[in-house]
């Protein structure tokens, strides 16, 4: 167990999912070191829906991966907070001009 997360139930599926998004072992390790609470977040209820939210706002998979690697705390935001920030940026015309990592902290 790590931070209350089961290796088999939480950590391995999350690592596999990150790899499926396009990360490599080094990126996954750096992200977990940078934001260790990530291993305790629920993959189905928390992580996947937030990545889908980012995709709905026209971010490519590559942009999502780069943002998650540089600012993994995006995944800890409530869905409401994430939607609000993205909505404000889209309404103001700034969404296409910024990278995810530069406006989400």
PDB file of N, CA and C in Angstrom:
ATOM      1  N   UNK A   1       0.830  -1.193   0.000  1.00  0.00           N
ATOM      2  CA  UNK A   1       0.000   0.000   0.000  1.00  0.00           C
ATOM      3  C   UNK A   1       0.868   1.248   0.000  1.00  0.00           C
ATOM      4  N   UNK A   2       0.418   2.246  -0.712  1.00  0.00           N
ATOM      5  CA  UNK A   2       1.109   3.526  -0.797  1.00  0.00           C
ATOM      6  C   UNK A   2       0.066   4.619  -0.647  1.00  0.00           C
ATOM      7  N   UNK A   3       0.176   5.417   0.403  1.00  0.00           N
ATOM      8  CA  UNK A   3      -0.772   6.505   0.653  1.00  0.00           C
ATOM      9  C   UNK A   3      -2.217   5.997   0.657  1.00  0.00           C
ATOM     10  N   UNK A   4      -2.423   4.807   1.189  1.00  0.00           N
ATOM     11  CA  UNK A   4      -3.756   4.236   1.240  1.00  0.00           C
ATOM     12  C   UNK A   4      -4.209   3.616  -0.065  1.00  0.00           C
ATOM     13  N   UNK A   5      -3.350   3.586  -1.059  1.00  0.00           N
ATOM     14  CA  UNK A   5      -3.702   3.029  -2.361  1.00  0.00           C
ATOM     15  C   UNK A   5      -3.121   1.628  -2.493  1.00  0.00           C
ATOM     16  N   UNK A   6      -3.905   0.732  -2.988  1.00  0.00           N
ATOM     17  CA  UNK A   6      -3.464  -0.625  -3.234  1.00  0.00           C
ATOM     18  C   UNK A   6      -2.642  -0.669  -4.516  1.00  0.00           C
ATOM     19  N   UNK A   7      -1.513  -1.363  -4.462  1.00  0.00           N
ATOM     20  CA  UNK A   7      -0.660  -1.480  -5.640  1.00  0.00           C
ATOM     21  C   UNK A   7      -1.428  -2.116  -6.796  1.00  0.00           C
ATOM     22  N   UNK A   8      -2.116  -3.202  -6.533  1.00  0.00           N
ATOM     23  CA  UNK A   8      -2.844  -3.921  -7.584  1.00  0.00           C
ATOM     24  C   UNK A   8      -4.109  -3.193  -8.022  1.00  0.00           C
ATOM     25  N   UNK A   9      -4.827  -2.622  -7.081  1.00  0.00           N
ATOM     26  CA  UNK A   9      -6.132  -2.021  -7.383  1.00  0.00           C
ATOM     27  C   UNK A   9      -6.017  -0.593  -7.920  1.00  0.00           C
ATOM     28  N   UNK A  10      -5.053   0.177  -7.431  1.00  0.00           N
ATOM     29  CA  UNK A  10      -4.952   1.587  -7.793  1.00  0.00           C
ATOM     30  C   UNK A  10      -3.732   1.931  -8.640  1.00  0.00           C
ATOM     31  N   UNK A  11      -2.576   1.577  -8.141  1.00  0.00           N
ATOM     32  CA  UNK A  11      -1.334   2.058  -8.742  1.00  0.00           C
ATOM     33  C   UNK A  11      -1.079   1.445 -10.123  1.00  0.00           C
ATOM     34  N   UNK A  12      -1.131   0.141 -10.233  1.00  0.00           N
ATOM     35  CA  UNK A  12      -0.850  -0.489 -11.530  1.00  0.00           C
ATOM     36  C   UNK A  12      -1.827  -0.042 -12.616  1.00  0.00           C
ATOM     37  N   UNK A  13      -3.146  -0.016 -12.353  1.00  0.00           N
ATOM     38  CA  UNK A  13      -4.061   0.461 -13.400  1.00  0.00           C
ATOM     39  C   UNK A  13      -3.817   1.925 -13.782  1.00  0.00           C
ATOM     40  N   UNK A  14      -3.479   2.763 -12.802  1.00  0.00           N
ATOM     41  CA  UNK A  14      -3.219   4.168 -13.088  1.00  0.00           C
ATOM     42  C   UNK A  14      -1.964   4.319 -13.945  1.00  0.00           C
ATOM     43  N   UNK A  15      -0.922   3.571 -13.631  1.00  0.00           N
ATOM     44  CA  UNK A  15       0.311   3.614 -14.421  1.00  0.00           C
ATOM     45  C   UNK A  15       0.032   3.135 -15.842  1.00  0.00           C
ATOM     46  N   UNK A  16      -0.703   2.052 -15.981  1.00  0.00           N
ATOM     47  CA  UNK A  16      -1.042   1.536 -17.307  1.00  0.00           C
ATOM     48  C   UNK A  16      -1.835   2.564 -18.103  1.00  0.00           C
ATOM     49  N   UNK A  17      -2.780   3.218 -17.464  1.00  0.00           N
ATOM     50  CA  UNK A  17      -3.597   4.244 -18.122  1.00  0.00           C
ATOM     51  C   UNK A  17      -2.740   5.417 -18.586  1.00  0.00           C
ATOM     52  N   UNK A  18      -1.815   5.862 -17.728  1.00  0.00           N
ATOM     53  CA  UNK A  18      -0.919   6.946 -18.121  1.00  0.00           C
ATOM     54  C   UNK A  18      -0.084   6.542 -19.341  1.00  0.00           C
ATOM     55  N   UNK A  19       0.353   5.309 -19.376  1.00  0.00           N
ATOM     56  CA  UNK A  19       1.122   4.824 -20.529  1.00  0.00           C
ATOM     57  C   UNK A  19       0.246   4.802 -21.782  1.00  0.00           C
ATOM     58  N   UNK A  20      -1.011   4.415 -21.627  1.00  0.00           N
ATOM     59  CA  UNK A  20      -1.925   4.391 -22.762  1.00  0.00           C
ATOM     60  C   UNK A  20      -2.178   5.798 -23.300  1.00  0.00           C
ATOM     61  N   UNK A  21      -2.076   6.796 -22.423  1.00  0.00           N
ATOM     62  CA  UNK A  21      -2.224   8.185 -22.866  1.00  0.00           C
ATOM     63  C   UNK A  21      -1.026   8.655 -23.689  1.00  0.00           C
ATOM     64  N   UNK A  22       0.106   7.960 -23.536  1.00  0.00           N
ATOM     65  CA  UNK A  22       1.280   8.319 -24.326  1.00  0.00           C
ATOM     66  C   UNK A  22       2.504   8.667 -23.510  1.00  0.00           C
ATOM     67  N   UNK A  23       2.523   8.308 -22.249  1.00  0.00           N
ATOM     68  CA  UNK A  23       3.699   8.586 -21.423  1.00  0.00           C
ATOM     69  C   UNK A  23       4.632   7.380 -21.417  1.00  0.00           C
ATOM     70  N   UNK A  24       5.870   7.620 -21.038  1.00  0.00           N
ATOM     71  CA  UNK A  24       6.806   6.508 -20.881  1.00  0.00           C
ATOM     72  C   UNK A  24       7.073   6.292 -19.393  1.00  0.00           C
ATOM     73  N   UNK A  25       7.836   5.260 -19.077  1.00  0.00           N
ATOM     74  CA  UNK A  25       8.100   4.916 -17.676  1.00  0.00           C
ATOM     75  C   UNK A  25       8.718   6.076 -16.904  1.00  0.00           C
ATOM     76  N   UNK A  26       9.646   6.770 -17.531  1.00  0.00           N
ATOM     77  CA  UNK A  26      10.322   7.885 -16.884  1.00  0.00           C
ATOM     78  C   UNK A  26       9.335   9.006 -16.554  1.00  0.00           C
ATOM     79  N   UNK A  27       8.462   9.317 -17.491  1.00  0.00           N
ATOM     80  CA  UNK A  27       7.466  10.372 -17.255  1.00  0.00           C
ATOM     81  C   UNK A  27       6.501   9.987 -16.144  1.00  0.00           C
ATOM     82  N   UNK A  28       6.076   8.731 -16.135  1.00  0.00           N
ATOM     83  CA  UNK A  28       5.164   8.258 -15.088  1.00  0.00           C
ATOM     84  C   UNK A  28       5.847   8.391 -13.730  1.00  0.00           C
ATOM     85  N   UNK A  29       7.081   7.938 -13.639  1.00  0.00           N
ATOM     86  CA  UNK A  29       7.815   8.005 -12.369  1.00  0.00           C
ATOM     87  C   UNK A  29       7.988   9.451 -11.909  1.00  0.00           C
ATOM     88  N   UNK A  30       8.374  10.335 -12.818  1.00  0.00           N
ATOM     89  CA  UNK A  30       8.555  11.744 -12.461  1.00  0.00           C
ATOM     90  C   UNK A  30       7.249  12.374 -11.998  1.00  0.00           C
ATOM     91  N   UNK A  31       6.165  12.007 -12.640  1.00  0.00           N
ATOM     92  CA  UNK A  31       4.860  12.558 -12.283  1.00  0.00           C
ATOM     93  C   UNK A  31       4.434  12.095 -10.898  1.00  0.00           C
ATOM     94  N   UNK A  32       4.652  10.832 -10.596  1.00  0.00           N
ATOM     95  CA  UNK A  32       4.286  10.303  -9.278  1.00  0.00           C
ATOM     96  C   UNK A  32       5.153  10.926  -8.195  1.00  0.00           C
ATOM     97  N   UNK A  33       6.431  11.117  -8.477  1.00  0.00           N
ATOM     98  CA  UNK A  33       7.307  11.774  -7.503  1.00  0.00           C
ATOM     99  C   UNK A  33       6.857  13.219  -7.290  1.00  0.00           C
ATOM    100  N   UNK A  34       6.514  13.889  -8.360  1.00  0.00           N
ATOM    101  CA  UNK A  34       6.109  15.296  -8.295  1.00  0.00           C
ATOM    102  C   UNK A  34       4.762  15.474  -7.586  1.00  0.00           C
ATOM    103  N   UNK A  35       3.858  14.514  -7.786  1.00  0.00           N
ATOM    104  CA  UNK A  35       2.494  14.625  -7.258  1.00  0.00           C
ATOM    105  C   UNK A  35       2.045  13.250  -6.774  1.00  0.00           C
ATOM    106  N   UNK A  36       2.588  12.836  -5.640  1.00  0.00           N
ATOM    107  CA  UNK A  36       2.386  11.470  -5.160  1.00  0.00           C
ATOM    108  C   UNK A  36       0.935  11.129  -4.825  1.00  0.00           C
ATOM    109  N   UNK A  37       0.122  12.114  -4.513  1.00  0.00           N
ATOM    110  CA  UNK A  37      -1.283  11.853  -4.203  1.00  0.00           C
ATOM    111  C   UNK A  37      -2.008  11.247  -5.410  1.00  0.00           C
ATOM    112  N   UNK A  38      -1.419  11.376  -6.577  1.00  0.00           N
ATOM    113  CA  UNK A  38      -2.011  10.833  -7.800  1.00  0.00           C
ATOM    114  C   UNK A  38      -2.355   9.359  -7.652  1.00  0.00           C
ATOM    115  N   UNK A  39      -1.508   8.600  -6.965  1.00  0.00           N
ATOM    116  CA  UNK A  39      -1.747   7.160  -6.837  1.00  0.00           C
ATOM    117  C   UNK A  39      -2.982   6.845  -6.001  1.00  0.00           C
ATOM    118  N   UNK A  40      -3.450   7.788  -5.225  1.00  0.00           N
ATOM    119  CA  UNK A  40      -4.627   7.557  -4.392  1.00  0.00           C
ATOM    120  C   UNK A  40      -5.926   7.995  -5.067  1.00  0.00           C
ATOM    121  N   UNK A  41      -5.835   8.689  -6.196  1.00  0.00           N
ATOM    122  CA  UNK A  41      -7.037   9.152  -6.883  1.00  0.00           C
ATOM    123  C   UNK A  41      -7.667   7.999  -7.664  1.00  0.00           C
ATOM    124  N   UNK A  42      -8.972   7.944  -7.661  1.00  0.00           N
ATOM    125  CA  UNK A  42      -9.699   6.880  -8.340  1.00  0.00           C
ATOM    126  C   UNK A  42      -9.631   7.062  -9.854  1.00  0.00           C
ATOM    127  N   UNK A  43      -9.188   6.042 -10.548  1.00  0.00           N
ATOM    128  CA  UNK A  43      -9.002   6.109 -11.994  1.00  0.00           C
ATOM    129  C   UNK A  43     -10.315   6.352 -12.735  1.00  0.00           C
ATOM    130  N   UNK A  44     -11.314   5.553 -12.439  1.00  0.00           N
ATOM    131  CA  UNK A  44     -12.584   5.636 -13.170  1.00  0.00           C
ATOM    132  C   UNK A  44     -13.415   6.845 -12.778  1.00  0.00           C
ATOM    133  N   UNK A  45     -13.470   7.146 -11.503  1.00  0.00           N
ATOM    134  CA  UNK A  45     -14.347   8.223 -11.016  1.00  0.00           C
ATOM    135  C   UNK A  45     -13.694   9.597 -11.064  1.00  0.00           C
ATOM    136  N   UNK A  46     -12.368   9.642 -11.102  1.00  0.00           N
ATOM    137  CA  UNK A  46     -11.687  10.922 -10.993  1.00  0.00           C
ATOM    138  C   UNK A  46     -10.801  11.236 -12.194  1.00  0.00           C
ATOM    139  N   UNK A  47      -9.845  10.375 -12.472  1.00  0.00           N
ATOM    140  CA  UNK A  47      -8.833  10.684 -13.480  1.00  0.00           C
ATOM    141  C   UNK A  47      -9.373  10.665 -14.906  1.00  0.00           C
ATOM    142  N   UNK A  48     -10.023   9.589 -15.300  1.00  0.00           N
ATOM    143  CA  UNK A  48     -10.518   9.488 -16.668  1.00  0.00           C
ATOM    144  C   UNK A  48     -11.526  10.587 -17.016  1.00  0.00           C
ATOM    145  N   UNK A  49     -12.493  10.876 -16.135  1.00  0.00           N
ATOM    146  CA  UNK A  49     -13.439  11.956 -16.475  1.00  0.00           C
ATOM    147  C   UNK A  49     -12.764  13.319 -16.657  1.00  0.00           C
ATOM    148  N   UNK A  50     -11.729  13.598 -15.900  1.00  0.00           N
ATOM    149  CA  UNK A  50     -11.056  14.892 -16.036  1.00  0.00           C
ATOM    150  C   UNK A  50     -10.276  14.979 -17.341  1.00  0.00           C
ATOM    151  N   UNK A  51      -9.666  13.898 -17.755  1.00  0.00           N
ATOM    152  CA  UNK A  51      -8.984  13.900 -19.049  1.00  0.00           C
ATOM    153  C   UNK A  51     -10.019  14.056 -20.167  1.00  0.00           C
ATOM    154  N   UNK A  52     -11.169  13.430 -20.032  1.00  0.00           N
ATOM    155  CA  UNK A  52     -12.223  13.595 -21.032  1.00  0.00           C
ATOM    156  C   UNK A  52     -12.711  15.042 -21.075  1.00  0.00           C
ATOM    157  N   UNK A  53     -12.770  15.696 -19.933  1.00  0.00           N
ATOM    158  CA  UNK A  53     -13.143  17.117 -19.899  1.00  0.00           C
ATOM    159  C   UNK A  53     -12.130  17.935 -20.695  1.00  0.00           C
ATOM    160  N   UNK A  54     -10.864  17.679 -20.500  1.00  0.00           N
ATOM    161  CA  UNK A  54      -9.831  18.400 -21.250  1.00  0.00           C
ATOM    162  C   UNK A  54      -9.971  18.145 -22.750  1.00  0.00           C
ATOM    163  N   UNK A  55     -10.252  16.926 -23.109  1.00  0.00           N
ATOM    164  CA  UNK A  55     -10.435  16.600 -24.525  1.00  0.00           C
ATOM    165  C   UNK A  55     -11.652  17.318 -25.113  1.00  0.00           C
ATOM    166  N   UNK A  56     -12.707  17.446 -24.334  1.00  0.00           N
ATOM    167  CA  UNK A  56     -13.911  18.141 -24.813  1.00  0.00           C
ATOM    168  C   UNK A  56     -13.621  19.598 -25.134  1.00  0.00           C
ATOM    169  N   UNK A  57     -12.643  20.163 -24.469  1.00  0.00           N
ATOM    170  CA  UNK A  57     -12.267  21.551 -24.732  1.00  0.00           C
ATOM    171  C   UNK A  57     -11.211  21.637 -25.838  1.00  0.00           C
ATOM    172  N   UNK A  58     -11.141  20.617 -26.663  1.00  0.00           N
ATOM    173  CA  UNK A  58     -10.329  20.582 -27.879  1.00  0.00           C
ATOM    174  C   UNK A  58      -8.828  20.458 -27.642  1.00  0.00           C
ATOM    175  N   UNK A  59      -8.437  19.934 -26.509  1.00  0.00           N
ATOM    176  CA  UNK A  59      -7.025  19.654 -26.306  1.00  0.00           C
ATOM    177  C   UNK A  59      -6.711  18.292 -26.903  1.00  0.00           C
ATOM    178  N   UNK A  60      -5.619  18.213 -27.617  1.00  0.00           N
ATOM    179  CA  UNK A  60      -5.202  16.941 -28.202  1.00  0.00           C
ATOM    180  C   UNK A  60      -4.645  16.045 -27.100  1.00  0.00           C
ATOM    181  N   UNK A  61      -4.529  14.767 -27.405  1.00  0.00           N
ATOM    182  CA  UNK A  61      -3.947  13.842 -26.435  1.00  0.00           C
ATOM    183  C   UNK A  61      -2.529  14.259 -26.064  1.00  0.00           C
ATOM    184  N   UNK A  62      -1.763  14.719 -27.035  1.00  0.00           N
ATOM    185  CA  UNK A  62      -0.395  15.158 -26.765  1.00  0.00           C
ATOM    186  C   UNK A  62      -0.387  16.356 -25.812  1.00  0.00           C
ATOM    187  N   UNK A  63      -1.280  17.307 -26.008  1.00  0.00           N
ATOM    188  CA  UNK A  63      -1.363  18.470 -25.120  1.00  0.00           C
ATOM    189  C   UNK A  63      -1.781  18.050 -23.716  1.00  0.00           C
ATOM    190  N   UNK A  64      -2.717  17.124 -23.628  1.00  0.00           N
ATOM    191  CA  UNK A  64      -3.157  16.638 -22.323  1.00  0.00           C
ATOM    192  C   UNK A  64      -2.001  15.969 -21.601  1.00  0.00           C
ATOM    193  N   UNK A  65      -1.271  15.113 -22.290  1.00  0.00           N
ATOM    194  CA  UNK A  65      -0.134  14.417 -21.673  1.00  0.00           C
ATOM    195  C   UNK A  65       0.911  15.416 -21.202  1.00  0.00           C
ATOM    196  N   UNK A  66       1.266  16.378 -22.047  1.00  0.00           N
ATOM    197  CA  UNK A  66       2.265  17.378 -21.639  1.00  0.00           C
ATOM    198  C   UNK A  66       1.801  18.150 -20.405  1.00  0.00           C
ATOM    199  N   UNK A  67       0.536  18.503 -20.375  1.00  0.00           N
ATOM    200  CA  UNK A  67       0.008  19.238 -19.224  1.00  0.00           C
ATOM    201  C   UNK A  67       0.041  18.381 -17.968  1.00  0.00           C
ATOM    202  N   UNK A  68      -0.355  17.128 -18.084  1.00  0.00           N
ATOM    203  CA  UNK A  68      -0.371  16.250 -16.913  1.00  0.00           C
ATOM    204  C   UNK A  68       1.023  15.955 -16.407  1.00  0.00           C
ATOM    205  N   UNK A  69       1.988  15.903 -17.306  1.00  0.00           N
ATOM    206  CA  UNK A  69       3.358  15.660 -16.885  1.00  0.00           C
ATOM    207  C   UNK A  69       3.950  16.899 -16.210  1.00  0.00           C
ATOM    208  N   UNK A  70       3.585  18.076 -16.678  1.00  0.00           N
ATOM    209  CA  UNK A  70       4.133  19.296 -16.084  1.00  0.00           C
ATOM    210  C   UNK A  70       3.322  19.766 -14.884  1.00  0.00           C
ATOM    211  N   UNK A  71       2.010  19.557 -14.905  1.00  0.00           N
ATOM    212  CA  UNK A  71       1.132  20.005 -13.817  1.00  0.00           C
ATOM    213  C   UNK A  71       0.133  18.912 -13.450  1.00  0.00           C
ATOM    214  N   UNK A  72       0.604  17.805 -12.871  1.00  0.00           N
ATOM    215  CA  UNK A  72      -0.314  16.700 -12.561  1.00  0.00           C
ATOM    216  C   UNK A  72      -1.406  17.070 -11.559  1.00  0.00           C
ATOM    217  N   UNK A  73      -1.215  18.153 -10.819  1.00  0.00           N
ATOM    218  CA  UNK A  73      -2.242  18.549  -9.843  1.00  0.00           C
ATOM    219  C   UNK A  73      -3.557  18.937 -10.513  1.00  0.00           C
ATOM    220  N   UNK A  74      -3.537  19.149 -11.828  1.00  0.00           N
ATOM    221  CA  UNK A  74      -4.779  19.393 -12.556  1.00  0.00           C
ATOM    222  C   UNK A  74      -5.784  18.296 -12.234  1.00  0.00           C
ATOM    223  N   UNK A  75      -5.283  17.078 -12.076  1.00  0.00           N
ATOM    224  CA  UNK A  75      -6.160  15.940 -11.820  1.00  0.00           C
ATOM    225  C   UNK A  75      -6.747  15.941 -10.415  1.00  0.00           C
ATOM    226  N   UNK A  76      -6.223  16.764  -9.536  1.00  0.00           N
ATOM    227  CA  UNK A  76      -6.777  16.828  -8.180  1.00  0.00           C
ATOM    228  C   UNK A  76      -7.881  17.873  -8.064  1.00  0.00           C
ATOM    229  N   UNK A  77      -8.025  18.709  -9.079  1.00  0.00           N
ATOM    230  CA  UNK A  77      -9.071  19.731  -9.055  1.00  0.00           C
ATOM    231  C   UNK A  77     -10.437  19.071  -9.107  1.00  0.00           C
ATOM    232  N   UNK A  78     -11.401  19.690  -8.471  1.00  0.00           N
ATOM    233  CA  UNK A  78     -12.763  19.185  -8.594  1.00  0.00           C
ATOM    234  C   UNK A  78     -13.195  19.360 -10.046  1.00  0.00           C
ATOM    235  N   UNK A  79     -14.100  18.516 -10.475  1.00  0.00           N
ATOM    236  CA  UNK A  79     -14.596  18.625 -11.850  1.00  0.00           C
ATOM    237  C   UNK A  79     -15.223  19.986 -12.087  1.00  0.00           C
ATOM    238  N   UNK A  80     -15.910  20.495 -11.070  1.00  0.00           N
ATOM    239  CA  UNK A  80     -16.551  21.805 -11.175  1.00  0.00           C
ATOM    240  C   UNK A  80     -15.512  22.904 -11.394  1.00  0.00           C
ATOM    241  N   UNK A  81     -14.422  22.851 -10.636  1.00  0.00           N
ATOM    242  CA  UNK A  81     -13.355  23.851 -10.763  1.00  0.00           C
ATOM    243  C   UNK A  81     -12.698  23.778 -12.142  1.00  0.00           C
ATOM    244  N   UNK A  82     -12.430  22.569 -12.595  1.00  0.00           N
ATOM    245  CA  UNK A  82     -11.807  22.381 -13.897  1.00  0.00           C
ATOM    246  C   UNK A  82     -12.711  22.914 -15.010  1.00  0.00           C
ATOM    247  N   UNK A  83     -13.975  22.546 -14.973  1.00  0.00           N
ATOM    248  CA  UNK A  83     -14.936  23.023 -15.980  1.00  0.00           C
ATOM    249  C   UNK A  83     -15.034  24.550 -15.955  1.00  0.00           C
ATOM    250  N   UNK A  84     -15.083  25.117 -14.759  1.00  0.00           N
ATOM    251  CA  UNK A  84     -15.199  26.578 -14.632  1.00  0.00           C
ATOM    252  C   UNK A  84     -14.000  27.278 -15.266  1.00  0.00           C
ATOM    253  N   UNK A  85     -12.803  26.832 -14.923  1.00  0.00           N
ATOM    254  CA  UNK A  85     -11.596  27.473 -15.463  1.00  0.00           C
ATOM    255  C   UNK A  85     -11.523  27.355 -16.981  1.00  0.00           C
ATOM    256  N   UNK A  86     -11.833  26.183 -17.475  1.00  0.00           N
ATOM    257  CA  UNK A  86     -11.809  25.997 -18.918  1.00  0.00           C
ATOM    258  C   UNK A  86     -12.882  26.843 -19.603  1.00  0.00           C
ATOM    259  N   UNK A  87     -14.060  26.913 -18.995  1.00  0.00           N
ATOM    260  CA  UNK A  87     -15.150  27.713 -19.550  1.00  0.00           C
ATOM    261  C   UNK A  87     -14.823  29.196 -19.606  1.00  0.00           C
ATOM    262  N   UNK A  88     -14.227  29.704 -18.553  1.00  0.00           N
ATOM    263  CA  UNK A  88     -13.848  31.118 -18.512  1.00  0.00           C
ATOM    264  C   UNK A  88     -12.814  31.414 -19.604  1.00  0.00           C
ATOM    265  N   UNK A  89     -11.832  30.550 -19.725  1.00  0.00           N
ATOM    266  CA  UNK A  89     -10.802  30.755 -20.746  1.00  0.00           C
ATOM    267  C   UNK A  89     -11.367  30.649 -22.157  1.00  0.00           C
ATOM    268  N   UNK A  90     -12.275  29.732 -22.354  1.00  0.00           N
ATOM    269  CA  UNK A  90     -12.885  29.594 -23.678  1.00  0.00           C
ATOM    270  C   UNK A  90     -13.721  30.834 -24.015  1.00  0.00           C
ATOM    271  N   UNK A  91     -14.526  31.299 -23.060  1.00  0.00           N
ATOM    272  CA  UNK A  91     -15.378  32.470 -23.281  1.00  0.00           C
ATOM    273  C   UNK A  91     -14.556  33.726 -23.548  1.00  0.00           C
ATOM    274  N   UNK A  92     -13.386  33.809 -22.949  1.00  0.00           N
ATOM    275  CA  UNK A  92     -12.539  34.990 -23.135  1.00  0.00           C
ATOM    276  C   UNK A  92     -11.634  34.881 -24.365  1.00  0.00           C
ATOM    277  N   UNK A  93     -11.662  33.747 -25.031  1.00  0.00           N
ATOM    278  CA  UNK A  93     -10.831  33.561 -26.217  1.00  0.00           C
ATOM    279  C   UNK A  93      -9.388  33.216 -25.916  1.00  0.00           C
ATOM    280  N   UNK A  94      -9.091  32.907 -24.673  1.00  0.00           N
ATOM    281  CA  UNK A  94      -7.709  32.621 -24.289  1.00  0.00           C
ATOM    282  C   UNK A  94      -7.356  31.138 -24.313  1.00  0.00           C
ATOM    283  N   UNK A  95      -8.348  30.296 -24.420  1.00  0.00           N
ATOM    284  CA  UNK A  95      -8.104  28.860 -24.316  1.00  0.00           C
ATOM    285  C   UNK A  95      -7.117  28.358 -25.360  1.00  0.00           C
ATOM    286  N   UNK A  96      -7.223  28.811 -26.574  1.00  0.00           N
ATOM    287  CA  UNK A  96      -6.337  28.341 -27.638  1.00  0.00           C
ATOM    288  C   UNK A  96      -4.943  28.934 -27.556  1.00  0.00           C
ATOM    289  N   UNK A  97      -4.771  29.988 -26.769  1.00  0.00           N
ATOM    290  CA  UNK A  97      -3.484  30.672 -26.703  1.00  0.00           C
ATOM    291  C   UNK A  97      -2.582  30.159 -25.591  1.00  0.00           C
ATOM    292  N   UNK A  98      -3.155  29.398 -24.667  1.00  0.00           N
ATOM    293  CA  UNK A  98      -2.394  28.971 -23.498  1.00  0.00           C
ATOM    294  C   UNK A  98      -2.207  27.473 -23.474  1.00  0.00           C
ATOM    295  N   UNK A  99      -1.136  27.048 -22.860  1.00  0.00           N
ATOM    296  CA  UNK A  99      -0.965  25.623 -22.590  1.00  0.00           C
ATOM    297  C   UNK A  99      -1.674  25.332 -21.282  1.00  0.00           C
ATOM    298  N   UNK A 100      -2.087  24.112 -21.089  1.00  0.00           N
ATOM    299  CA  UNK A 100      -2.797  23.746 -19.863  1.00  0.00           C
ATOM    300  C   UNK A 100      -1.992  24.078 -18.617  1.00  0.00           C
ATOM    301  N   UNK A 101      -0.721  23.777 -18.637  1.00  0.00           N
ATOM    302  CA  UNK A 101       0.107  24.000 -17.466  1.00  0.00           C
ATOM    303  C   UNK A 101       0.255  25.452 -17.078  1.00  0.00           C
ATOM    304  N   UNK A 102       0.059  26.349 -18.016  1.00  0.00           N
ATOM    305  CA  UNK A 102       0.287  27.754 -17.711  1.00  0.00           C
ATOM    306  C   UNK A 102      -0.913  28.433 -17.050  1.00  0.00           C
ATOM    307  N   UNK A 103      -2.097  27.847 -17.121  1.00  0.00           N
ATOM    308  CA  UNK A 103      -3.230  28.531 -16.516  1.00  0.00           C
ATOM    309  C   UNK A 103      -3.932  27.737 -15.439  1.00  0.00           C
ATOM    310  N   UNK A 104      -3.608  26.496 -15.245  1.00  0.00           N
ATOM    311  CA  UNK A 104      -4.360  25.673 -14.318  1.00  0.00           C
ATOM    312  C   UNK A 104      -3.920  25.767 -12.862  1.00  0.00           C
ATOM    313  N   UNK A 105      -2.710  26.124 -12.529  1.00  0.00           N
ATOM    314  CA  UNK A 105      -2.319  26.145 -11.103  1.00  0.00           C
ATOM    315  C   UNK A 105      -3.171  27.037 -10.250  1.00  0.00           C
TER     316      UNK A 105
END
